[in-house]
Amino acid sequence: MIEEIAASPKLGGLINGLARTGVGALKNRGELLSIELQEEKGHLMEMLVWTISLLFLGIMGALLLTATVVLLFPPEWRIYVIGGFTILYFIGAAVAFSTVRGLLKHEPFPESLSQLKKDAQCLDSLK
């Protein structure tokens, strides 16, 4: 009987183990959040560089192509060619806008949010 009492865990040891587990879980989540934050920074920088490149090269190409095509037509037809290019550019701008809007819907920190949801479900199941 005395051996059973001595072998049972004490309240202080249980609290200590629980605290260590909690701190370990928080440290894990913090490291995951830090890694995902670095990934999001990289994703944002990459998107910014590609967007600036797209804008610059697209504008330069469109200007040169437009000027070349407009100058190939006789003077009396040039106004209609310019109008056609204007419509074409507005359609392209609408497509680019919808694409950028889709890219902005990217959910940041997906793995951290998933882990927090799992933790909340686990805690709810203990009630």
C-alpha atoms as a PDB file:
ATOM      1  CA  MET A   1       0.000   0.000   0.000  1.00  0.00           C
ATOM      2  CA  ILE A   2       2.788   2.410   0.882  1.00  0.00           C
ATOM      3  CA  GLU A   3       4.589   1.528  -2.364  1.00  0.00           C
ATOM      4  CA  GLU A   4       1.479   2.406  -4.404  1.00  0.00           C
ATOM      5  CA  ILE A   5       1.247   5.838  -2.773  1.00  0.00           C
ATOM      6  CA  ALA A   6       4.949   6.508  -3.352  1.00  0.00           C
ATOM      7  CA  ALA A   7       4.701   5.420  -7.003  1.00  0.00           C
ATOM      8  CA  SER A   8       1.688   7.656  -7.809  1.00  0.00           C
ATOM      9  CA  PRO A   9       2.547  11.012  -9.389  1.00  0.00           C
ATOM     10  CA  LYS A  10       2.392  14.049  -7.163  1.00  0.00           C
ATOM     11  CA  LEU A  11       0.344  17.117  -7.981  1.00  0.00           C
ATOM     12  CA  GLY A  12       3.463  19.256  -8.419  1.00  0.00           C
ATOM     13  CA  GLY A  13       4.914  16.792 -10.916  1.00  0.00           C
ATOM     14  CA  LEU A  14       1.663  16.699 -12.887  1.00  0.00           C
ATOM     15  CA  ILE A  15       1.464  20.492 -13.043  1.00  0.00           C
ATOM     16  CA  ASN A  16       5.129  20.670 -14.043  1.00  0.00           C
ATOM     17  CA  GLY A  17       4.584  18.142 -16.849  1.00  0.00           C
ATOM     18  CA  LEU A  18       1.471  19.946 -18.031  1.00  0.00           C
ATOM     19  CA  ALA A  19       3.310  23.278 -18.048  1.00  0.00           C
ATOM     20  CA  ARG A  20       6.212  21.798 -20.023  1.00  0.00           C
ATOM     21  CA  THR A  21       3.799  20.328 -22.563  1.00  0.00           C
ATOM     22  CA  GLY A  22       1.994  23.661 -22.892  1.00  0.00           C
ATOM     23  CA  VAL A  23       5.224  25.608 -23.329  1.00  0.00           C
ATOM     24  CA  GLY A  24       6.458  23.063 -25.859  1.00  0.00           C
ATOM     25  CA  ALA A  25       3.228  23.371 -27.854  1.00  0.00           C
ATOM     26  CA  LEU A  26       3.433  27.182 -27.795  1.00  0.00           C
ATOM     27  CA  LYS A  27       7.072  27.048 -28.895  1.00  0.00           C
ATOM     28  CA  ASN A  28       6.119  24.709 -31.748  1.00  0.00           C
ATOM     29  CA  ARG A  29       3.317  27.019 -32.896  1.00  0.00           C
ATOM     30  CA  GLY A  30       5.596  30.051 -32.637  1.00  0.00           C
ATOM     31  CA  GLU A  31       8.266  28.417 -34.786  1.00  0.00           C
ATOM     32  CA  LEU A  32       5.654  27.417 -37.369  1.00  0.00           C
ATOM     33  CA  LEU A  33       4.276  30.950 -37.440  1.00  0.00           C
ATOM     34  CA  SER A  34       7.800  32.357 -37.857  1.00  0.00           C
ATOM     35  CA  ILE A  35       8.539  30.054 -40.786  1.00  0.00           C
ATOM     36  CA  GLU A  36       5.245  30.869 -42.467  1.00  0.00           C
ATOM     37  CA  LEU A  37       5.840  34.597 -41.948  1.00  0.00           C
ATOM     38  CA  GLN A  38       9.162  34.280 -43.787  1.00  0.00           C
ATOM     39  CA  GLU A  39       7.430  32.359 -46.594  1.00  0.00           C
ATOM     40  CA  GLU A  40       4.738  35.051 -46.855  1.00  0.00           C
ATOM     41  CA  LYS A  41       7.403  37.778 -47.051  1.00  0.00           C
ATOM     42  CA  GLY A  42       9.079  35.891 -49.877  1.00  0.00           C
ATOM     43  CA  HIS A  43       5.747  35.388 -51.642  1.00  0.00           C
ATOM     44  CA  LEU A  44       4.934  39.098 -51.336  1.00  0.00           C
ATOM     45  CA  MET A  45       8.340  40.197 -52.621  1.00  0.00           C
ATOM     46  CA  GLU A  46       8.154  37.780 -55.548  1.00  0.00           C
ATOM     47  CA  MET A  47       4.672  39.016 -56.444  1.00  0.00           C
ATOM     48  CA  LEU A  48       5.848  42.627 -56.228  1.00  0.00           C
ATOM     49  CA  VAL A  49       8.874  42.052 -58.491  1.00  0.00           C
ATOM     50  CA  TRP A  50       6.821  40.166 -61.070  1.00  0.00           C
ATOM     51  CA  THR A  51       4.079  42.798 -60.994  1.00  0.00           C
ATOM     52  CA  ILE A  52       6.541  45.637 -61.583  1.00  0.00           C
ATOM     53  CA  SER A  53       8.238  43.672 -64.366  1.00  0.00           C
ATOM     54  CA  LEU A  54       4.887  42.905 -65.950  1.00  0.00           C
ATOM     55  CA  LEU A  55       3.825  46.521 -65.858  1.00  0.00           C
ATOM     56  CA  PHE A  56       7.063  47.897 -67.279  1.00  0.00           C
ATOM     57  CA  LEU A  57       7.534  45.340 -70.042  1.00  0.00           C
ATOM     58  CA  GLY A  58       3.861  45.245 -70.911  1.00  0.00           C
ATOM     59  CA  ILE A  59       3.628  49.008 -71.262  1.00  0.00           C
ATOM     60  CA  MET A  60       6.798  49.216 -73.346  1.00  0.00           C
ATOM     61  CA  GLY A  61       5.710  46.395 -75.647  1.00  0.00           C
ATOM     62  CA  ALA A  62       2.212  47.776 -76.036  1.00  0.00           C
ATOM     63  CA  LEU A  63       3.508  51.248 -76.862  1.00  0.00           C
ATOM     64  CA  LEU A  64       5.928  50.003 -79.498  1.00  0.00           C
ATOM     65  CA  LEU A  65       3.436  47.617 -81.048  1.00  0.00           C
ATOM     66  CA  THR A  66       0.719  50.245 -81.093  1.00  0.00           C
ATOM     67  CA  ALA A  67       2.987  52.843 -82.692  1.00  0.00           C
ATOM     68  CA  THR A  68       4.168  50.365 -85.320  1.00  0.00           C
ATOM     69  CA  VAL A  69       0.676  49.233 -86.275  1.00  0.00           C
ATOM     70  CA  VAL A  70      -0.752  52.763 -86.286  1.00  0.00           C
ATOM     71  CA  LEU A  71       2.035  53.987 -88.565  1.00  0.00           C
ATOM     72  CA  LEU A  72       1.444  51.112 -91.002  1.00  0.00           C
ATOM     73  CA  PHE A  73      -2.093  52.326 -91.754  1.00  0.00           C
ATOM     74  CA  PRO A  74      -2.912  55.283 -93.974  1.00  0.00           C
ATOM     75  CA  PRO A  75      -3.532  58.564 -92.089  1.00  0.00           C
ATOM     76  CA  GLU A  76      -7.337  58.476 -92.557  1.00  0.00           C
ATOM     77  CA  TRP A  77      -7.583  55.029 -90.860  1.00  0.00           C
ATOM     78  CA  ARG A  78      -5.261  55.717 -87.921  1.00  0.00           C
ATOM     79  CA  ILE A  79      -7.974  57.044 -85.590  1.00  0.00           C
ATOM     80  CA  TYR A  80      -9.914  53.777 -85.930  1.00  0.00           C
ATOM     81  CA  VAL A  81      -6.800  51.707 -85.286  1.00  0.00           C
ATOM     82  CA  ILE A  82      -6.083  53.723 -82.145  1.00  0.00           C
ATOM     83  CA  GLY A  83      -9.693  53.164 -81.001  1.00  0.00           C
ATOM     84  CA  GLY A  84      -9.320  49.413 -81.554  1.00  0.00           C
ATOM     85  CA  PHE A  85      -6.149  49.307 -79.508  1.00  0.00           C
ATOM     86  CA  THR A  86      -7.853  51.286 -76.747  1.00  0.00           C
ATOM     87  CA  ILE A  87     -10.622  48.691 -76.500  1.00  0.00           C
ATOM     88  CA  LEU A  88      -8.068  45.879 -76.564  1.00  0.00           C
ATOM     89  CA  TYR A  89      -6.073  47.488 -73.743  1.00  0.00           C
ATOM     90  CA  PHE A  90      -9.173  47.958 -71.584  1.00  0.00           C
ATOM     91  CA  ILE A  91     -10.041  44.273 -71.998  1.00  0.00           C
ATOM     92  CA  GLY A  92      -6.477  43.344 -71.040  1.00  0.00           C
ATOM     93  CA  ALA A  93      -6.648  45.610 -67.988  1.00  0.00           C
ATOM     94  CA  ALA A  94      -9.868  43.923 -66.861  1.00  0.00           C
ATOM     95  CA  VAL A  95      -8.271  40.467 -67.151  1.00  0.00           C
ATOM     96  CA  ALA A  96      -5.177  41.626 -65.243  1.00  0.00           C
ATOM     97  CA  PHE A  97      -7.350  43.168 -62.529  1.00  0.00           C
ATOM     98  CA  SER A  98      -9.299  39.958 -62.009  1.00  0.00           C
ATOM     99  CA  THR A  99      -6.050  37.943 -61.886  1.00  0.00           C
ATOM    100  CA  VAL A 100      -4.477  40.222 -59.264  1.00  0.00           C
ATOM    101  CA  ARG A 101      -7.687  40.113 -57.240  1.00  0.00           C
ATOM    102  CA  GLY A 102      -7.511  36.318 -57.298  1.00  0.00           C
ATOM    103  CA  LEU A 103      -3.889  36.399 -56.127  1.00  0.00           C
ATOM    104  CA  LEU A 104      -4.820  38.648 -53.221  1.00  0.00           C
ATOM    105  CA  LYS A 105      -7.318  36.045 -51.979  1.00  0.00           C
ATOM    106  CA  HIS A 106      -4.353  33.822 -51.028  1.00  0.00           C
ATOM    107  CA  GLU A 107      -4.866  32.915 -47.361  1.00  0.00           C
ATOM    108  CA  PRO A 108      -1.809  33.782 -45.247  1.00  0.00           C
ATOM    109  CA  PHE A 109      -0.462  31.334 -42.649  1.00  0.00           C
ATOM    110  CA  PRO A 110      -2.564  28.349 -43.739  1.00  0.00           C
ATOM    111  CA  GLU A 111      -0.636  25.761 -41.734  1.00  0.00           C
ATOM    112  CA  SER A 112      -0.672  27.810 -38.520  1.00  0.00           C
ATOM    113  CA  LEU A 113      -4.416  28.364 -38.805  1.00  0.00           C
ATOM    114  CA  SER A 114      -4.940  24.665 -39.452  1.00  0.00           C
ATOM    115  CA  GLN A 115      -2.920  23.725 -36.380  1.00  0.00           C
ATOM    116  CA  LEU A 116      -4.807  26.224 -34.215  1.00  0.00           C
ATOM    117  CA  LYS A 117      -8.126  24.759 -35.397  1.00  0.00           C
ATOM    118  CA  LYS A 118      -6.898  21.255 -34.551  1.00  0.00           C
ATOM    119  CA  ASP A 119      -5.775  22.460 -31.101  1.00  0.00           C
ATOM    120  CA  ALA A 120      -9.167  24.073 -30.477  1.00  0.00           C
ATOM    121  CA  GLN A 121     -10.979  20.877 -31.527  1.00  0.00           C
ATOM    122  CA  CYS A 122      -8.753  18.821 -29.239  1.00  0.00           C
ATOM    123  CA  LEU A 123      -9.433  21.131 -26.304  1.00  0.00           C
ATOM    124  CA  ASP A 124     -13.186  21.117 -27.041  1.00  0.00           C
ATOM    125  CA  SER A 125     -13.232  17.319 -27.049  1.00  0.00           C
ATOM    126  CA  LEU A 126     -11.741  17.282 -23.530  1.00  0.00           C
ATOM    127  CA  LYS A 127     -14.734  19.157 -22.063  1.00  0.00           C
END
